Amino acid sequence: MNLNAVSLAIAQISFTLKSLSKKNFNSSTIEIANLISEHGFEVERHFYRTLVTYLDLESIEQNSTSIKRSENIHLTYWLQELPSLISKSNFVTLICYAFDTAGTQKSLKLSSHINGFLTSLCKLFKLTRAQELLFVFALRNSIHTELQQLTHEHIEQRLPDFIRIASGDNGINELGLAELSVEAVHSLVLLIQQYISNESIEPLTTTEDYERFLDVLRKG
């Protein structure tokens, strides 16, 4: 791989994101997609890391209601990317690198006492419940202990209802599982199985509900 070409692609992505506007949005996103396709992982990783820096994460931490999706072109871009990002095989690596860098650079000042940060973030990102769990499970691999703790608490709050609803008549559609790729659903099931095996079933759900949940996904 031509490292100089990769460096130029990274610089171009930084410039394109900095100058992103409603007027050049379509052409800019196409240009970035082409650069990622041509140069691969390093450029892709840089793209998501840089895009996250344009999100007002500190306002989310403070439970600010001032963030308006329609006025934030970078958030619009993020929302456009999320469905395909979640389905990528290297999703965990990409999302953790992006948010870990934000934490290291202090654009994201995490505290284990922040209430509702992940809930507000997932709401801002308009994630389905299934996407939300995938997103939060991915962030469990963060290098920042504060973020690890927040994800653990969030999963403990969300997972019992998720399993219960998924076992219902319309649970697959209600949770957004039907919108995920087969690979993403498989990843989510594995993550849930690993989490429950580590935490034990009883504090989160009953064995019966858990087995019914797995049966529904197998049949779906």
Protein backbone atom coordinates (compact mmCIF):
# COMPACT_ATOMS: atom_id res chain seq x y z
CA MET A 1 0.00 0.00 0.00
CA ASN A 2 1.22 3.47 -0.87
CA LEU A 3 1.47 5.17 2.52
CA ASN A 4 1.77 8.57 0.91
CA ALA A 5 -1.49 7.99 -0.94
CA VAL A 6 -3.16 6.96 2.32
CA SER A 7 -1.88 10.09 4.05
CA LEU A 8 -3.22 12.24 1.25
CA ALA A 9 -6.59 10.49 1.45
CA ILE A 10 -6.72 11.07 5.21
CA ALA A 11 -5.90 14.74 4.74
CA GLN A 12 -8.56 15.03 2.05
CA ILE A 13 -11.20 13.49 4.32
CA SER A 14 -10.29 15.92 7.10
CA PHE A 15 -10.63 18.85 4.72
CA THR A 16 -13.88 17.57 3.22
CA LEU A 17 -15.50 17.09 6.63
CA LYS A 18 -14.33 20.51 7.78
CA SER A 19 -15.89 22.19 4.75
CA LEU A 20 -19.04 20.04 4.71
CA SER A 21 -22.25 21.95 4.04
CA LYS A 22 -25.77 21.32 2.82
CA LYS A 23 -24.75 22.57 -0.60
CA ASN A 24 -21.86 20.14 -1.07
CA PHE A 25 -23.22 17.30 1.07
CA ASN A 26 -23.96 14.78 -1.69
CA SER A 27 -20.73 15.30 -3.60
CA SER A 28 -18.69 15.25 -0.38
CA THR A 29 -20.18 11.99 0.88
CA ILE A 30 -19.58 10.35 -2.49
CA GLU A 31 -15.97 11.56 -2.50
CA ILE A 32 -15.35 10.21 1.00
CA ALA A 33 -16.96 6.86 0.16
CA ASN A 34 -14.68 6.55 -2.86
CA LEU A 35 -11.58 7.37 -0.79
CA ILE A 36 -12.50 4.73 1.79
CA SER A 37 -13.21 2.16 -0.90
CA GLU A 38 -9.87 2.84 -2.56
CA HIS A 39 -7.60 3.09 0.49
CA GLY A 40 -9.23 0.85 3.09
CA PHE A 41 -9.20 0.55 6.85
CA GLU A 42 -6.86 3.37 7.93
CA VAL A 43 -8.84 5.90 5.94
CA GLU A 44 -12.16 4.47 7.11
CA ARG A 45 -11.05 4.58 10.74
CA HIS A 46 -9.90 8.18 10.35
CA PHE A 47 -13.24 9.13 8.80
CA TYR A 48 -15.37 7.91 11.71
CA ARG A 49 -12.97 9.28 14.29
CA THR A 50 -13.05 12.70 12.66
CA LEU A 51 -16.80 12.69 12.12
CA VAL A 52 -17.38 12.03 15.83
CA THR A 53 -15.34 15.12 16.73
CA TYR A 54 -17.95 17.28 14.99
CA LEU A 55 -20.74 15.96 17.22
CA ASP A 56 -21.48 18.05 20.31
CA LEU A 57 -20.94 15.21 22.76
CA GLU A 58 -20.43 17.55 25.70
CA SER A 59 -23.93 18.95 25.25
CA ILE A 60 -25.27 15.40 25.20
CA GLU A 61 -23.46 14.74 28.48
CA GLN A 62 -25.17 17.75 29.99
CA ASN A 63 -28.55 16.48 28.73
CA SER A 64 -28.79 19.54 26.54
CA THR A 65 -31.89 19.90 24.40
CA SER A 66 -30.23 22.46 22.16
CA ILE A 67 -28.96 19.95 19.59
CA LYS A 68 -31.12 20.09 16.49
CA ARG A 69 -30.61 17.38 13.90
CA SER A 70 -31.72 19.58 11.02
CA GLU A 71 -29.08 22.20 11.82
CA ASN A 72 -26.14 19.84 12.26
CA ILE A 73 -24.85 18.66 8.90
CA HIS A 74 -22.29 16.35 10.50
CA LEU A 75 -24.99 14.70 12.59
CA THR A 76 -27.00 14.24 9.40
CA TYR A 77 -23.98 12.48 7.91
CA TRP A 78 -23.58 10.33 11.02
CA LEU A 79 -27.24 9.29 10.89
CA GLN A 80 -26.81 8.35 7.24
CA GLU A 81 -23.78 6.20 8.02
CA LEU A 82 -25.00 4.41 11.15
CA PRO A 83 -27.15 1.64 9.61
CA SER A 84 -24.34 0.44 7.35
CA LEU A 85 -21.70 1.01 10.05
CA ILE A 86 -23.52 -1.27 12.49
CA SER A 87 -23.53 -4.05 9.89
CA LYS A 88 -19.78 -3.87 9.23
CA SER A 89 -17.62 -6.73 10.45
CA ASN A 90 -15.19 -4.21 11.98
CA PHE A 91 -17.95 -2.13 13.60
CA VAL A 92 -16.62 -2.60 17.14
CA THR A 93 -13.13 -1.50 16.15
CA LEU A 94 -14.37 1.56 14.26
CA ILE A 95 -16.83 2.78 16.88
CA CYS A 96 -14.49 2.26 19.83
CA TYR A 97 -11.61 3.99 18.08
CA ALA A 98 -13.84 6.97 17.28
CA PHE A 99 -15.23 7.39 20.80
CA ASP A 100 -12.01 6.45 22.58
CA THR A 101 -10.20 9.16 20.65
CA ALA A 102 -12.91 11.65 21.59
CA GLY A 103 -12.47 10.65 25.23
CA THR A 104 -8.69 10.88 25.07
CA GLN A 105 -8.83 14.29 23.41
CA LYS A 106 -11.32 15.47 26.06
CA SER A 107 -14.03 16.38 23.57
CA LEU A 108 -15.96 13.72 25.48
CA LYS A 109 -15.55 14.20 29.24
CA LEU A 110 -17.07 11.06 30.66
CA SER A 111 -18.08 10.50 34.22
CA SER A 112 -19.54 7.34 35.68
CA HIS A 113 -22.10 9.57 37.40
CA ILE A 114 -23.62 10.94 34.20
CA ASN A 115 -27.24 9.88 34.09
CA GLY A 116 -28.73 9.08 30.73
CA PHE A 117 -25.75 9.90 28.53
CA LEU A 118 -26.03 6.74 26.44
CA THR A 119 -29.82 6.99 26.39
CA SER A 120 -29.61 10.56 25.08
CA LEU A 121 -26.93 9.58 22.59
CA CYS A 122 -28.94 6.66 21.20
CA LYS A 123 -32.03 8.85 20.99
CA LEU A 124 -30.08 11.52 19.12
CA PHE A 125 -28.81 8.85 16.72
CA LYS A 126 -32.40 7.58 16.24
CA LEU A 127 -31.35 3.99 16.89
CA THR A 128 -33.85 1.17 17.07
CA ARG A 129 -33.66 -0.88 20.26
CA ALA A 130 -31.71 -3.57 18.44
CA GLN A 131 -29.25 -1.03 17.00
CA GLU A 132 -28.97 0.57 20.43
CA LEU A 133 -27.90 -2.69 22.05
CA LEU A 134 -25.35 -3.37 19.31
CA PHE A 135 -23.99 0.14 19.67
CA VAL A 136 -23.71 -0.05 23.46
CA PHE A 137 -22.27 -3.57 23.41
CA ALA A 138 -19.58 -2.30 21.03
CA LEU A 139 -18.65 0.51 23.40
CA ARG A 140 -18.09 -2.03 26.19
CA ASN A 141 -14.73 -2.57 24.48
CA SER A 142 -13.71 1.03 25.11
CA ILE A 143 -10.34 1.70 26.71
CA HIS A 144 -12.03 4.18 29.07
CA THR A 145 -13.29 2.61 32.30
CA GLU A 146 -15.95 5.32 32.69
CA LEU A 147 -17.48 4.40 29.35
CA GLN A 148 -17.24 0.69 30.17
CA GLN A 149 -19.19 1.32 33.37
CA LEU A 150 -21.84 3.36 31.58
CA THR A 151 -22.36 0.62 29.00
CA HIS A 152 -22.64 -2.04 31.70
CA GLU A 153 -25.34 -0.05 33.51
CA HIS A 154 -27.16 0.71 30.27
CA ILE A 155 -27.24 -2.94 29.19
CA GLU A 156 -28.52 -4.05 32.58
CA GLN A 157 -31.35 -1.53 32.25
CA ARG A 158 -32.27 -2.33 28.65
CA LEU A 159 -31.61 -6.05 28.18
CA PRO A 160 -34.44 -7.50 30.33
CA ASP A 161 -37.14 -5.59 28.41
CA PHE A 162 -35.42 -6.36 25.12
CA ILE A 163 -35.55 -10.10 25.78
CA ARG A 164 -39.15 -9.90 27.00
CA ILE A 165 -40.38 -7.89 24.00
CA ALA A 166 -38.44 -10.02 21.51
CA SER A 167 -40.29 -13.07 22.76
CA GLY A 168 -43.67 -11.48 21.99
CA ASP A 169 -45.80 -11.81 18.89
CA ASN A 170 -44.39 -8.75 17.10
CA GLY A 171 -41.14 -8.42 18.99
CA ILE A 172 -38.84 -8.83 16.00
CA ASN A 173 -40.39 -5.84 14.24
CA GLU A 174 -40.97 -3.77 17.36
CA LEU A 175 -37.31 -3.90 18.35
CA GLY A 176 -35.98 -3.30 14.85
CA LEU A 177 -34.39 -6.74 14.58
CA ALA A 178 -35.99 -7.21 11.17
CA GLU A 179 -34.07 -4.17 9.91
CA LEU A 180 -30.68 -5.65 10.80
CA SER A 181 -28.60 -7.77 8.49
CA VAL A 182 -28.37 -11.48 9.29
CA GLU A 183 -24.75 -10.93 10.33
CA ALA A 184 -25.70 -8.12 12.71
CA VAL A 185 -28.45 -10.20 14.33
CA HIS A 186 -26.02 -13.09 14.74
CA SER A 187 -23.48 -10.74 16.36
CA LEU A 188 -26.12 -9.35 18.72
CA VAL A 189 -27.22 -12.82 19.82
CA LEU A 190 -23.62 -13.83 20.50
CA LEU A 191 -23.02 -10.64 22.49
CA ILE A 192 -26.13 -11.23 24.58
CA GLN A 193 -25.16 -14.86 25.19
CA GLN A 194 -21.65 -13.85 26.24
CA TYR A 195 -22.94 -11.09 28.50
CA ILE A 196 -25.49 -13.30 30.23
CA SER A 197 -22.97 -16.11 30.70
CA ASN A 198 -20.70 -13.63 32.46
CA GLU A 199 -23.38 -11.91 34.52
CA SER A 200 -25.67 -14.96 35.05
CA ILE A 201 -29.28 -15.04 33.86
CA GLU A 202 -31.27 -14.51 37.03
CA PRO A 203 -30.61 -10.80 37.71
CA LEU A 204 -31.58 -9.97 34.12
CA THR A 205 -34.34 -12.35 33.07
CA THR A 206 -35.78 -15.78 33.71
CA THR A 207 -34.34 -18.87 32.08
CA GLU A 208 -37.71 -19.47 30.39
CA ASP A 209 -37.84 -15.99 28.83
CA TYR A 210 -34.24 -16.27 27.71
CA GLU A 211 -34.78 -19.65 26.02
CA ARG A 212 -37.96 -18.36 24.37
CA PHE A 213 -36.02 -15.33 23.14
CA LEU A 214 -33.38 -17.57 21.54
CA ASP A 215 -36.07 -19.76 19.95
CA VAL A 216 -37.78 -16.73 18.39
CA LEU A 217 -34.51 -15.55 16.86
CA ARG A 218 -33.67 -18.99 15.53
CA LYS A 219 -37.07 -19.24 13.85
CA GLY A 220 -36.89 -15.65 12.60
